[in-house]
Amino acid sequence: MKYTVRFAHLEKPPELKVGDRVKNGDIIGVMGTSGQSTATHLHIDCVRGSHNKKYQLYEMDDGDLIPAPKQLLYFIDRDLFGIDPFITTPYAELDYFKSRAKVHHGFDVVPVNRKTTRENYRIRWNRSMVGNVSLVVDDPSGYGHCIYITFEA
């Protein structure tokens, strides 16, 4: 089955382009605070299927997209930043729902040492399978600089 993972709020547009292939350990971007973000972090979510158009969280609530939380969980490990990640907003976090009236079908995550250094702000493709860049977008009114990568698992 194919899945698409979105890495959002990147510091700047990624250097990767649509059609590029990524393999384990490749740098795909730098964590930032673009779009409507209020603090530096990485928003990461995953949906079923191959997608090359920008999507929003509400589309997962509406059933237009099917979230893939199990696949998403495989990304939350120390290889993502090269150090342990710290989750700042969990998947389906209740306070997020209460304040925004939508389910947070993703994680907001930062490297555990973010307060002392920017050394681990680089985001790595941390899956064993090859991914294909399906979309690079700047969404100033939402998730800022984003990269969408499709993979098969």
N, C-alpha and C. Protein backbone atom coordinates (compact mmCIF):
# COMPACT_ATOMS: atom_id res chain seq x y z
N MET A 1 0.84 -1.18 0.00
CA MET A 1 0.00 0.00 0.00
C MET A 1 0.88 1.24 0.00
N LYS A 2 0.43 2.29 -0.67
CA LYS A 2 1.16 3.56 -0.70
C LYS A 2 0.64 4.49 0.38
N TYR A 3 1.57 5.32 0.87
CA TYR A 3 1.27 6.32 1.89
C TYR A 3 1.99 7.61 1.52
N THR A 4 1.46 8.74 2.01
CA THR A 4 2.12 10.03 1.84
C THR A 4 2.32 10.64 3.22
N VAL A 5 3.55 11.03 3.50
CA VAL A 5 3.87 11.70 4.76
C VAL A 5 4.19 13.16 4.45
N ARG A 6 3.68 14.05 5.30
CA ARG A 6 3.93 15.49 5.13
C ARG A 6 4.80 15.97 6.29
N PHE A 7 5.88 16.66 5.94
CA PHE A 7 6.76 17.31 6.90
C PHE A 7 6.50 18.81 6.74
N ALA A 8 6.04 19.47 7.79
CA ALA A 8 5.59 20.86 7.66
C ALA A 8 6.26 21.79 8.66
N HIS A 9 6.12 23.07 8.40
CA HIS A 9 6.71 24.17 9.17
C HIS A 9 8.24 24.19 9.01
N LEU A 10 8.72 23.79 7.83
CA LEU A 10 10.16 23.79 7.60
C LEU A 10 10.69 25.22 7.60
N GLU A 11 11.94 25.35 7.97
CA GLU A 11 12.59 26.66 8.07
C GLU A 11 12.61 27.41 6.73
N LYS A 12 12.82 26.67 5.66
CA LYS A 12 12.88 27.25 4.31
C LYS A 12 12.43 26.19 3.32
N PRO A 13 12.19 26.58 2.07
CA PRO A 13 11.80 25.56 1.10
C PRO A 13 12.87 24.47 1.02
N PRO A 14 12.44 23.22 0.97
CA PRO A 14 13.42 22.13 0.88
C PRO A 14 14.17 22.20 -0.45
N GLU A 15 15.39 21.68 -0.43
CA GLU A 15 16.18 21.64 -1.66
C GLU A 15 15.72 20.52 -2.58
N LEU A 16 15.02 19.54 -2.05
CA LEU A 16 14.50 18.45 -2.86
C LEU A 16 13.38 18.95 -3.76
N LYS A 17 13.23 18.31 -4.90
CA LYS A 17 12.20 18.68 -5.88
C LYS A 17 11.28 17.48 -6.13
N VAL A 18 10.10 17.76 -6.67
CA VAL A 18 9.16 16.70 -7.02
C VAL A 18 9.86 15.70 -7.94
N GLY A 19 9.70 14.44 -7.61
CA GLY A 19 10.33 13.37 -8.38
C GLY A 19 11.62 12.85 -7.78
N ASP A 20 12.24 13.64 -6.87
CA ASP A 20 13.46 13.17 -6.22
C ASP A 20 13.15 11.96 -5.33
N ARG A 21 14.12 11.07 -5.25
CA ARG A 21 14.00 9.89 -4.38
C ARG A 21 14.81 10.14 -3.12
N VAL A 22 14.29 9.68 -2.00
CA VAL A 22 15.00 9.81 -0.73
C VAL A 22 15.19 8.42 -0.14
N LYS A 23 16.36 8.24 0.47
CA LYS A 23 16.65 6.96 1.10
C LYS A 23 17.06 7.21 2.55
N ASN A 24 17.11 6.16 3.32
CA ASN A 24 17.40 6.26 4.75
C ASN A 24 18.61 7.14 5.01
N GLY A 25 18.45 8.13 5.88
CA GLY A 25 19.53 9.03 6.27
C GLY A 25 19.59 10.32 5.48
N ASP A 26 18.89 10.43 4.35
CA ASP A 26 18.91 11.67 3.56
C ASP A 26 18.25 12.80 4.33
N ILE A 27 18.84 14.00 4.23
CA ILE A 27 18.25 15.19 4.84
C ILE A 27 17.12 15.67 3.94
N ILE A 28 15.95 15.86 4.51
CA ILE A 28 14.83 16.31 3.71
C ILE A 28 14.41 17.74 4.01
N GLY A 29 14.94 18.32 5.07
CA GLY A 29 14.61 19.70 5.41
C GLY A 29 15.15 20.05 6.79
N VAL A 30 14.84 21.28 7.20
CA VAL A 30 15.25 21.79 8.50
C VAL A 30 14.01 22.27 9.24
N MET A 31 13.87 21.84 10.47
CA MET A 31 12.75 22.23 11.31
C MET A 31 12.71 23.75 11.45
N GLY A 32 11.51 24.32 11.36
CA GLY A 32 11.39 25.78 11.45
C GLY A 32 10.09 26.21 12.08
N THR A 33 9.68 27.41 11.71
CA THR A 33 8.44 27.98 12.24
C THR A 33 7.70 28.75 11.16
N SER A 34 7.58 28.15 9.98
CA SER A 34 6.92 28.81 8.86
C SER A 34 5.41 28.62 8.93
N GLY A 35 4.68 29.38 8.11
CA GLY A 35 3.23 29.31 8.11
C GLY A 35 2.67 29.93 9.38
N GLN A 36 1.64 29.33 9.93
CA GLN A 36 1.00 29.87 11.13
C GLN A 36 1.61 29.33 12.42
N SER A 37 2.76 28.72 12.31
CA SER A 37 3.44 28.19 13.49
C SER A 37 3.81 29.33 14.43
N THR A 38 3.75 29.07 15.73
CA THR A 38 4.14 30.07 16.73
C THR A 38 5.46 29.74 17.41
N ALA A 39 6.01 28.56 17.11
CA ALA A 39 7.30 28.17 17.68
C ALA A 39 7.94 27.12 16.75
N THR A 40 9.24 27.05 16.80
CA THR A 40 9.97 26.10 15.96
C THR A 40 9.61 24.67 16.34
N HIS A 41 9.16 23.91 15.34
CA HIS A 41 8.84 22.50 15.52
C HIS A 41 8.62 21.87 14.16
N LEU A 42 8.48 20.56 14.14
CA LEU A 42 8.12 19.83 12.95
C LEU A 42 6.72 19.28 13.14
N HIS A 43 5.83 19.58 12.20
CA HIS A 43 4.54 18.91 12.16
C HIS A 43 4.69 17.79 11.14
N ILE A 44 4.28 16.59 11.52
CA ILE A 44 4.38 15.44 10.63
C ILE A 44 3.07 14.67 10.70
N ASP A 45 2.52 14.35 9.52
CA ASP A 45 1.32 13.52 9.46
C ASP A 45 1.45 12.56 8.28
N CYS A 46 0.57 11.58 8.23
CA CYS A 46 0.65 10.55 7.20
C CYS A 46 -0.75 10.11 6.81
N VAL A 47 -0.98 9.97 5.50
CA VAL A 47 -2.27 9.52 4.99
C VAL A 47 -2.07 8.37 4.01
N ARG A 48 -3.13 7.61 3.82
CA ARG A 48 -3.09 6.53 2.84
C ARG A 48 -3.11 7.11 1.43
N GLY A 49 -2.39 6.44 0.54
CA GLY A 49 -2.42 6.80 -0.87
C GLY A 49 -1.28 7.71 -1.27
N SER A 50 -1.17 7.92 -2.56
CA SER A 50 -0.17 8.82 -3.14
C SER A 50 -0.84 10.16 -3.40
N HIS A 51 -0.30 11.22 -2.81
CA HIS A 51 -0.92 12.54 -2.94
C HIS A 51 0.09 13.57 -3.44
N ASN A 52 -0.33 14.34 -4.43
CA ASN A 52 0.52 15.40 -4.96
C ASN A 52 -0.20 16.75 -4.96
N LYS A 53 -1.22 16.87 -4.10
CA LYS A 53 -1.93 18.13 -3.90
C LYS A 53 -1.95 18.44 -2.41
N LYS A 54 -1.87 19.72 -2.08
CA LYS A 54 -1.88 20.15 -0.68
C LYS A 54 -3.18 19.68 -0.02
N TYR A 55 -3.08 19.20 1.22
CA TYR A 55 -4.26 18.81 1.97
C TYR A 55 -4.23 19.47 3.34
N GLN A 56 -5.39 19.46 4.00
CA GLN A 56 -5.56 20.05 5.32
C GLN A 56 -6.04 18.98 6.30
N LEU A 57 -5.84 19.23 7.58
CA LEU A 57 -6.27 18.26 8.60
C LEU A 57 -7.76 17.98 8.54
N TYR A 58 -8.58 18.99 8.27
CA TYR A 58 -10.02 18.78 8.27
C TYR A 58 -10.44 17.75 7.21
N GLU A 59 -9.63 17.59 6.16
CA GLU A 59 -9.97 16.60 5.13
C GLU A 59 -9.87 15.17 5.69
N MET A 60 -9.07 14.99 6.72
CA MET A 60 -9.01 13.68 7.37
C MET A 60 -10.26 13.46 8.22
N ASP A 61 -10.75 14.51 8.85
CA ASP A 61 -11.99 14.41 9.62
C ASP A 61 -13.19 14.16 8.71
N ASP A 62 -13.19 14.80 7.54
CA ASP A 62 -14.31 14.69 6.61
C ASP A 62 -14.33 13.36 5.86
N GLY A 63 -13.24 12.59 5.95
CA GLY A 63 -13.18 11.31 5.26
C GLY A 63 -12.62 11.40 3.85
N ASP A 64 -12.23 12.62 3.42
CA ASP A 64 -11.64 12.77 2.09
C ASP A 64 -10.27 12.12 2.02
N LEU A 65 -9.57 12.08 3.15
CA LEU A 65 -8.27 11.43 3.27
C LEU A 65 -8.34 10.47 4.44
N ILE A 66 -7.62 9.38 4.34
CA ILE A 66 -7.62 8.40 5.42
C ILE A 66 -6.29 8.49 6.17
N PRO A 67 -6.32 8.91 7.44
CA PRO A 67 -5.08 8.98 8.22
C PRO A 67 -4.44 7.60 8.34
N ALA A 68 -3.12 7.59 8.47
CA ALA A 68 -2.36 6.35 8.63
C ALA A 68 -1.49 6.45 9.88
N PRO A 69 -2.11 6.43 11.08
CA PRO A 69 -1.34 6.64 12.31
C PRO A 69 -0.28 5.57 12.56
N LYS A 70 -0.54 4.33 12.18
CA LYS A 70 0.47 3.29 12.41
C LYS A 70 1.73 3.59 11.61
N GLN A 71 1.58 3.96 10.33
CA GLN A 71 2.75 4.31 9.53
C GLN A 71 3.45 5.55 10.10
N LEU A 72 2.67 6.51 10.56
CA LEU A 72 3.24 7.73 11.14
C LEU A 72 4.11 7.43 12.35
N LEU A 73 3.68 6.50 13.17
CA LEU A 73 4.45 6.16 14.38
C LEU A 73 5.86 5.68 14.07
N TYR A 74 6.06 5.05 12.91
CA TYR A 74 7.40 4.58 12.53
C TYR A 74 8.38 5.74 12.33
N PHE A 75 7.88 6.95 12.07
CA PHE A 75 8.76 8.10 11.86
C PHE A 75 9.27 8.71 13.17
N ILE A 76 8.57 8.44 14.26
CA ILE A 76 8.90 9.09 15.53
C ILE A 76 9.95 8.25 16.25
N ASP A 77 11.21 8.44 15.84
CA ASP A 77 12.33 7.74 16.49
C ASP A 77 13.57 8.63 16.44
N ARG A 78 14.64 8.17 17.05
CA ARG A 78 15.83 9.02 17.17
C ARG A 78 16.52 9.28 15.84
N ASP A 79 16.22 8.50 14.79
CA ASP A 79 16.82 8.74 13.48
C ASP A 79 16.20 9.95 12.78
N LEU A 80 15.02 10.40 13.21
CA LEU A 80 14.37 11.55 12.60
C LEU A 80 15.24 12.81 12.70
N PHE A 81 15.79 13.07 13.88
CA PHE A 81 16.64 14.24 14.12
C PHE A 81 18.09 13.87 14.43
N GLY A 82 18.37 12.58 14.60
CA GLY A 82 19.69 12.16 15.02
C GLY A 82 19.85 12.20 16.53
N ILE A 83 18.73 12.38 17.21
CA ILE A 83 18.68 12.41 18.68
C ILE A 83 17.22 12.11 19.05
N ASP A 84 16.97 11.77 20.30
CA ASP A 84 15.59 11.45 20.68
C ASP A 84 14.65 12.61 20.38
N PRO A 85 13.46 12.30 19.85
CA PRO A 85 12.46 13.34 19.62
C PRO A 85 11.63 13.57 20.89
N PHE A 86 11.06 14.76 20.98
CA PHE A 86 10.16 15.11 22.07
C PHE A 86 8.85 15.57 21.42
N ILE A 87 7.76 14.94 21.77
CA ILE A 87 6.47 15.28 21.18
C ILE A 87 5.85 16.44 21.96
N THR A 88 5.58 17.55 21.26
CA THR A 88 4.98 18.71 21.90
C THR A 88 3.46 18.73 21.75
N THR A 89 2.95 18.17 20.66
CA THR A 89 1.51 18.00 20.49
C THR A 89 1.28 16.57 20.01
N PRO A 90 0.66 15.75 20.85
CA PRO A 90 0.43 14.35 20.47
C PRO A 90 -0.64 14.21 19.39
N TYR A 91 -0.71 13.03 18.86
CA TYR A 91 -1.74 12.67 17.88
C TYR A 91 -3.10 12.74 18.57
N ALA A 92 -4.07 13.39 17.92
CA ALA A 92 -5.44 13.52 18.43
C ALA A 92 -5.49 14.14 19.83
N GLU A 93 -4.66 15.13 20.06
CA GLU A 93 -4.54 15.78 21.38
C GLU A 93 -5.83 16.54 21.71
N LEU A 94 -6.38 16.33 22.89
CA LEU A 94 -7.68 16.87 23.28
C LEU A 94 -7.71 18.40 23.31
N ASP A 95 -6.70 19.05 23.90
CA ASP A 95 -6.70 20.51 23.95
C ASP A 95 -6.65 21.13 22.56
N TYR A 96 -5.93 20.50 21.65
CA TYR A 96 -5.89 20.97 20.26
C TYR A 96 -7.31 20.93 19.67
N PHE A 97 -8.00 19.84 19.90
CA PHE A 97 -9.37 19.71 19.40
C PHE A 97 -10.28 20.77 20.01
N LYS A 98 -10.17 20.98 21.31
CA LYS A 98 -11.03 21.96 21.98
C LYS A 98 -10.78 23.38 21.48
N SER A 99 -9.54 23.72 21.20
CA SER A 99 -9.22 25.09 20.79
C SER A 99 -9.42 25.33 19.29
N ARG A 100 -9.36 24.27 18.48
CA ARG A 100 -9.43 24.46 17.02
C ARG A 100 -10.58 23.72 16.35
N ALA A 101 -11.30 22.92 17.11
CA ALA A 101 -12.45 22.16 16.60
C ALA A 101 -12.07 21.23 15.45
N LYS A 102 -10.86 20.72 15.50
CA LYS A 102 -10.44 19.70 14.52
C LYS A 102 -9.45 18.77 15.21
N VAL A 103 -9.42 17.54 14.72
CA VAL A 103 -8.51 16.54 15.29
C VAL A 103 -7.12 16.76 14.72
N HIS A 104 -6.12 16.67 15.57
CA HIS A 104 -4.72 16.80 15.16
C HIS A 104 -4.23 15.42 14.74
N HIS A 105 -4.42 15.11 13.45
CA HIS A 105 -4.02 13.80 12.91
C HIS A 105 -2.53 13.79 12.59
N GLY A 106 -1.72 14.18 13.52
CA GLY A 106 -0.28 14.22 13.32
C GLY A 106 0.41 14.43 14.65
N PHE A 107 1.72 14.63 14.56
CA PHE A 107 2.52 14.95 15.74
C PHE A 107 3.22 16.27 15.49
N ASP A 108 3.36 17.08 16.53
CA ASP A 108 4.30 18.18 16.53
C ASP A 108 5.45 17.69 17.38
N VAL A 109 6.65 17.75 16.83
CA VAL A 109 7.79 17.10 17.46
C VAL A 109 9.03 17.98 17.30
N VAL A 110 9.93 17.89 18.27
CA VAL A 110 11.19 18.63 18.27
C VAL A 110 12.30 17.71 18.78
N PRO A 111 13.55 18.03 18.47
CA PRO A 111 14.64 17.25 19.07
C PRO A 111 14.72 17.58 20.57
N VAL A 112 15.06 16.58 21.36
CA VAL A 112 15.07 16.74 22.81
C VAL A 112 16.03 17.85 23.27
N ASN A 113 17.06 18.15 22.50
CA ASN A 113 18.05 19.17 22.90
C ASN A 113 17.79 20.53 22.25
N ARG A 114 16.60 20.78 21.79
CA ARG A 114 16.29 22.00 21.03
C ARG A 114 16.54 23.29 21.79
N LYS A 115 16.50 23.26 23.11
CA LYS A 115 16.68 24.49 23.89
C LYS A 115 18.14 24.88 24.05
N THR A 116 19.05 23.96 23.73
CA THR A 116 20.47 24.25 23.94
C THR A 116 21.27 24.36 22.63
N THR A 117 20.72 23.83 21.53
CA THR A 117 21.46 23.86 20.26
C THR A 117 20.51 23.66 19.09
N ARG A 118 20.92 24.16 17.92
CA ARG A 118 20.18 23.91 16.68
C ARG A 118 20.79 22.73 15.91
N GLU A 119 21.75 22.09 16.53
CA GLU A 119 22.51 21.02 15.87
C GLU A 119 21.62 19.93 15.28
N ASN A 120 20.50 19.63 15.91
CA ASN A 120 19.65 18.52 15.47
C ASN A 120 18.34 18.98 14.83
N TYR A 121 18.34 20.17 14.24
CA TYR A 121 17.14 20.67 13.56
C TYR A 121 16.95 20.03 12.19
N ARG A 122 17.98 19.40 11.65
CA ARG A 122 17.85 18.76 10.34
C ARG A 122 16.97 17.52 10.47
N ILE A 123 16.09 17.36 9.49
CA ILE A 123 15.14 16.25 9.48
C ILE A 123 15.63 15.22 8.47
N ARG A 124 15.66 13.97 8.90
CA ARG A 124 16.16 12.89 8.04
C ARG A 124 15.02 11.96 7.63
N TRP A 125 15.16 11.41 6.42
CA TRP A 125 14.28 10.32 6.01
C TRP A 125 14.74 9.11 6.80
N ASN A 126 13.91 8.61 7.69
CA ASN A 126 14.32 7.56 8.62
C ASN A 126 13.59 6.24 8.39
N ARG A 127 13.21 5.99 7.17
CA ARG A 127 12.57 4.72 6.84
C ARG A 127 13.50 3.89 5.97
N SER A 128 13.35 2.57 6.03
CA SER A 128 14.21 1.69 5.25
C SER A 128 13.82 1.70 3.77
N MET A 129 12.54 1.98 3.48
CA MET A 129 12.11 2.01 2.09
C MET A 129 12.40 3.37 1.47
N VAL A 130 12.54 3.38 0.16
CA VAL A 130 12.79 4.62 -0.58
C VAL A 130 11.49 5.41 -0.66
N GLY A 131 11.59 6.73 -0.53
CA GLY A 131 10.44 7.61 -0.70
C GLY A 131 10.61 8.45 -1.95
N ASN A 132 9.51 8.93 -2.48
CA ASN A 132 9.52 9.80 -3.65
C ASN A 132 8.84 11.12 -3.30
N VAL A 133 9.53 12.22 -3.56
CA VAL A 133 8.96 13.54 -3.29
C VAL A 133 7.78 13.74 -4.24
N SER A 134 6.59 13.93 -3.67
CA SER A 134 5.39 14.09 -4.50
C SER A 134 4.90 15.54 -4.55
N LEU A 135 5.33 16.38 -3.59
CA LEU A 135 4.90 17.78 -3.59
C LEU A 135 5.82 18.59 -2.69
N VAL A 136 6.16 19.79 -3.13
CA VAL A 136 6.86 20.78 -2.32
C VAL A 136 6.00 22.03 -2.40
N VAL A 137 5.63 22.58 -1.25
CA VAL A 137 4.67 23.69 -1.26
C VAL A 137 5.01 24.69 -0.16
N ASP A 138 4.65 25.96 -0.40
CA ASP A 138 4.70 26.96 0.65
C ASP A 138 3.25 27.37 0.92
N ASP A 139 2.83 27.20 2.14
CA ASP A 139 1.45 27.45 2.56
C ASP A 139 1.47 28.47 3.69
N PRO A 140 1.66 29.79 3.37
CA PRO A 140 1.83 30.79 4.43
C PRO A 140 0.64 30.90 5.39
N SER A 141 -0.55 30.56 4.95
CA SER A 141 -1.72 30.66 5.83
C SER A 141 -1.96 29.36 6.61
N GLY A 142 -1.07 28.40 6.46
CA GLY A 142 -1.25 27.12 7.15
C GLY A 142 0.06 26.54 7.63
N TYR A 143 0.53 25.52 6.92
CA TYR A 143 1.69 24.77 7.38
C TYR A 143 3.04 25.26 6.84
N GLY A 144 3.07 26.39 6.19
CA GLY A 144 4.34 26.97 5.74
C GLY A 144 5.03 26.11 4.71
N HIS A 145 6.35 26.06 4.79
CA HIS A 145 7.14 25.25 3.87
C HIS A 145 6.94 23.78 4.21
N CYS A 146 6.49 23.01 3.22
CA CYS A 146 6.18 21.59 3.42
C CYS A 146 6.79 20.75 2.31
N ILE A 147 7.05 19.51 2.65
CA ILE A 147 7.42 18.52 1.66
C ILE A 147 6.57 17.28 1.90
N TYR A 148 6.02 16.75 0.82
CA TYR A 148 5.21 15.53 0.87
C TYR A 148 6.03 14.43 0.21
N ILE A 149 6.14 13.30 0.87
CA ILE A 149 6.91 12.17 0.34
C ILE A 149 6.03 10.93 0.36
N THR A 150 5.95 10.28 -0.79
CA THR A 150 5.16 9.06 -0.93
C THR A 150 6.08 7.84 -0.86
N PHE A 151 5.60 6.81 -0.18
CA PHE A 151 6.38 5.58 -0.05
C PHE A 151 5.44 4.38 -0.03
N GLU A 152 5.99 3.21 -0.22
CA GLU A 152 5.20 2.00 -0.19
C GLU A 152 5.64 1.14 0.99
N ALA A 153 4.67 0.62 1.72
CA ALA A 153 4.98 -0.23 2.89
C ALA A 153 4.02 -1.40 2.93
